[in-house]
Amino acid sequence: MKIVYARGDDWEGLYIDGELETQGHSISLSELLDIIKEKGVIETAETRMVDLNWLGDHGTLPNNIEEVRWEQ
């Protein structure tokens, strides 16, 4: 299982195996723990910064992580 914590300015999201699980202005620790508990053991986790111009144009994160534009 791969987890990516995507954040940009005041917006963040959590992808698990490439699928968006939750997003918003903040993700609470309790929400994160509930998601992890439902999904099982974590193999990898990372934090990546979303390109702010791209996020501003789109307004929210897409369901598929492949569509996200990341900061270089």
Protein backbone atom coordinates (compact mmCIF):
# COMPACT_ATOMS: atom_id res chain seq x y z
CA MET A 1 0.00 0.00 0.00
CA LYS A 2 1.36 3.43 -0.94
CA ILE A 3 0.17 6.61 0.76
CA VAL A 4 0.79 10.09 -0.64
CA TYR A 5 -0.06 13.16 1.41
CA ALA A 6 -0.60 15.94 -1.15
CA ARG A 7 -0.60 19.51 0.06
CA GLY A 8 -0.64 22.95 -1.46
CA ASP A 9 -1.23 26.22 0.34
CA ASP A 10 -4.34 25.60 2.48
CA TRP A 11 -5.54 22.44 0.70
CA GLU A 12 -4.48 18.86 1.31
CA GLY A 13 -5.47 15.38 0.31
CA LEU A 14 -4.63 11.77 1.02
CA TYR A 15 -4.11 9.23 -1.75
CA ILE A 16 -3.89 5.52 -1.04
CA ASP A 17 -2.67 3.37 -3.92
CA GLY A 18 -3.33 6.27 -6.30
CA GLU A 19 -6.94 6.91 -5.26
CA LEU A 20 -8.08 10.00 -3.36
CA GLU A 21 -9.43 9.01 0.07
CA THR A 22 -10.06 12.46 1.55
CA GLN A 23 -9.30 16.12 0.94
CA GLY A 24 -10.00 19.50 2.45
CA HIS A 25 -8.46 22.43 4.29
CA SER A 26 -7.19 20.01 6.91
CA ILE A 27 -7.18 16.27 7.51
CA SER A 28 -7.56 15.40 11.16
CA LEU A 29 -5.37 12.80 12.77
CA SER A 30 -8.45 10.82 13.80
CA GLU A 31 -9.67 10.74 10.18
CA LEU A 32 -6.23 9.63 9.04
CA LEU A 33 -6.08 6.88 11.64
CA ASP A 34 -9.57 5.65 10.69
CA ILE A 35 -8.55 5.44 7.03
CA ILE A 36 -5.32 3.61 7.88
CA LYS A 37 -7.18 1.20 10.14
CA GLU A 38 -9.65 0.41 7.34
CA LYS A 39 -6.90 -0.12 4.76
CA GLY A 40 -4.49 -2.17 6.85
CA VAL A 41 -0.71 -2.09 7.03
CA ILE A 42 1.20 0.71 5.29
CA GLU A 43 4.18 -0.14 3.10
CA THR A 44 5.27 3.40 2.12
CA ALA A 45 4.21 6.97 2.81
CA GLU A 46 5.40 10.30 1.44
CA THR A 47 4.53 13.98 1.39
CA ARG A 48 4.60 15.83 -1.91
CA MET A 49 3.92 19.49 -2.67
CA VAL A 50 1.23 20.27 -5.24
CA ASP A 51 1.99 22.98 -7.83
CA LEU A 52 0.08 25.97 -6.41
CA ASN A 53 -0.74 27.50 -9.80
CA TRP A 54 -2.19 24.20 -10.97
CA LEU A 55 -4.18 23.79 -7.74
CA GLY A 56 -5.48 27.35 -8.06
CA ASP A 57 -6.70 26.62 -11.58
CA HIS A 58 -8.40 23.34 -10.59
CA GLY A 59 -9.63 24.24 -7.10
CA THR A 60 -9.51 20.67 -5.77
CA LEU A 61 -7.44 17.53 -6.13
CA PRO A 62 -8.47 14.99 -8.78
CA ASN A 63 -9.50 11.44 -7.91
CA ASN A 64 -6.50 10.00 -9.78
CA ILE A 65 -3.02 10.90 -8.52
CA GLU A 66 -1.63 10.70 -12.07
CA GLU A 67 -3.53 13.92 -12.89
CA VAL A 68 -1.84 15.97 -10.14
CA ARG A 69 0.86 18.46 -11.12
CA TRP A 70 3.59 18.44 -8.48
CA GLU A 71 6.11 21.14 -7.59
CA GLN A 72 9.50 20.58 -9.18
